[in-house]
C-alpha atoms as a PDB file:
ATOM      1  CA  MET A   1      16.354  -1.430  17.067  1.00  0.00           C
ATOM      2  CA  ALA A   2      12.809  -0.965  18.306  1.00  0.00           C
ATOM      3  CA  GLN A   3       9.825  -1.708  16.132  1.00  0.00           C
ATOM      4  CA  LEU A   4       6.310  -0.348  15.944  1.00  0.00           C
ATOM      5  CA  LYS A   5       3.299  -2.629  15.940  1.00  0.00           C
ATOM      6  CA  ILE A   6       0.582  -0.842  13.961  1.00  0.00           C
ATOM      7  CA  THR A   7      -2.970  -2.211  14.028  1.00  0.00           C
ATOM      8  CA  GLN A   8      -5.855  -0.880  11.951  1.00  0.00           C
ATOM      9  CA  VAL A   9      -8.880  -0.523  14.239  1.00  0.00           C
ATOM     10  CA  LYS A  10     -11.299   1.490  12.096  1.00  0.00           C
ATOM     11  CA  SER A  11     -12.500   1.238   8.517  1.00  0.00           C
ATOM     12  CA  ARG A  12     -11.064   3.473   5.827  1.00  0.00           C
ATOM     13  CA  ILE A  13     -14.451   3.835   4.132  1.00  0.00           C
ATOM     14  CA  GLY A  14     -15.413   7.496   4.003  1.00  0.00           C
ATOM     15  CA  THR A  15     -11.911   8.776   4.797  1.00  0.00           C
ATOM     16  CA  LYS A  16      -9.810  11.141   2.728  1.00  0.00           C
ATOM     17  CA  GLN A  17      -7.867   9.815  -0.234  1.00  0.00           C
ATOM     18  CA  ASN A  18      -4.488  10.538   1.378  1.00  0.00           C
ATOM     19  CA  HIS A  19      -5.511   8.585   4.487  1.00  0.00           C
ATOM     20  CA  ARG A  20      -6.442   5.564   2.354  1.00  0.00           C
ATOM     21  CA  GLN A  21      -3.115   5.815   0.524  1.00  0.00           C
ATOM     22  CA  THR A  22      -1.216   6.067   3.815  1.00  0.00           C
ATOM     23  CA  LEU A  23      -2.895   2.921   5.143  1.00  0.00           C
ATOM     24  CA  ARG A  24      -1.981   1.103   1.932  1.00  0.00           C
ATOM     25  CA  SER A  25       1.622   2.317   2.183  1.00  0.00           C
ATOM     26  CA  LEU A  26       1.806   0.957   5.722  1.00  0.00           C
ATOM     27  CA  GLY A  27       0.550  -2.394   4.431  1.00  0.00           C
ATOM     28  CA  LEU A  28      -2.846  -2.270   6.136  1.00  0.00           C
ATOM     29  CA  ARG A  29      -5.808  -3.502   4.104  1.00  0.00           C
ATOM     30  CA  ARG A  30      -8.609  -4.316   6.548  1.00  0.00           C
ATOM     31  CA  ILE A  31      -9.663  -3.908  10.163  1.00  0.00           C
ATOM     32  CA  ASN A  32      -7.475  -5.842  12.624  1.00  0.00           C
ATOM     33  CA  ASP A  33      -4.564  -6.088  10.178  1.00  0.00           C
ATOM     34  CA  VAL A  34      -1.240  -5.821  12.030  1.00  0.00           C
ATOM     35  CA  VAL A  35       2.149  -4.826  10.638  1.00  0.00           C
ATOM     36  CA  LEU A  36       5.557  -4.515  12.276  1.00  0.00           C
ATOM     37  CA  LYS A  37       7.589  -1.590  11.016  1.00  0.00           C
ATOM     38  CA  GLU A  38      10.978  -0.263  12.001  1.00  0.00           C
ATOM     39  CA  ASP A  39      10.743   2.732  14.351  1.00  0.00           C
ATOM     40  CA  ARG A  40      11.731   5.560  12.009  1.00  0.00           C
ATOM     41  CA  PRO A  41      10.519   9.153  11.709  1.00  0.00           C
ATOM     42  CA  GLU A  42       8.878   8.424   8.336  1.00  0.00           C
ATOM     43  CA  ILE A  43       6.803   5.579   9.761  1.00  0.00           C
ATOM     44  CA  ARG A  44       5.863   7.596  12.852  1.00  0.00           C
ATOM     45  CA  GLY A  45       4.689  10.430  10.598  1.00  0.00           C
ATOM     46  CA  MET A  46       2.550   8.060   8.542  1.00  0.00           C
ATOM     47  CA  ALA A  47       1.037   6.605  11.724  1.00  0.00           C
ATOM     48  CA  LYS A  48       0.345  10.112  13.002  1.00  0.00           C
ATOM     49  CA  THR A  49      -1.507  10.970   9.796  1.00  0.00           C
ATOM     50  CA  VAL A  50      -3.968   8.107  10.327  1.00  0.00           C
ATOM     51  CA  ARG A  51      -3.900   8.057  14.141  1.00  0.00           C
ATOM     52  CA  HIS A  52      -7.702   8.023  14.291  1.00  0.00           C
ATOM     53  CA  LEU A  53      -7.743   4.732  12.318  1.00  0.00           C
ATOM     54  CA  VAL A  54      -4.856   2.830  13.933  1.00  0.00           C
ATOM     55  CA  THR A  55      -3.236   1.986  17.252  1.00  0.00           C
ATOM     56  CA  VAL A  56       0.540   2.061  17.619  1.00  0.00           C
ATOM     57  CA  GLU A  57       2.605   0.121  20.160  1.00  0.00           C
ATOM     58  CA  GLU A  58       6.357  -0.056  20.635  1.00  0.00           C
ATOM     59  CA  VAL A  59       7.806  -3.565  20.518  1.00  0.00           C
ATOM     60  CA  ASP A  60      11.363  -4.520  21.499  1.00  0.00           C
END
């Protein structure tokens, strides 16, 4: 199954509380942190919520 490579590219300082919680749920703590997550609708929705703070790439 495909995976998503999610990289935090912007700081969460000054963002909404739910955006900070979403980053934490994804496992991102600081700029340039990278996580690999299974490509599921829940993960895509979380990435969409914080799309201005992260980059998402599909990995095989």
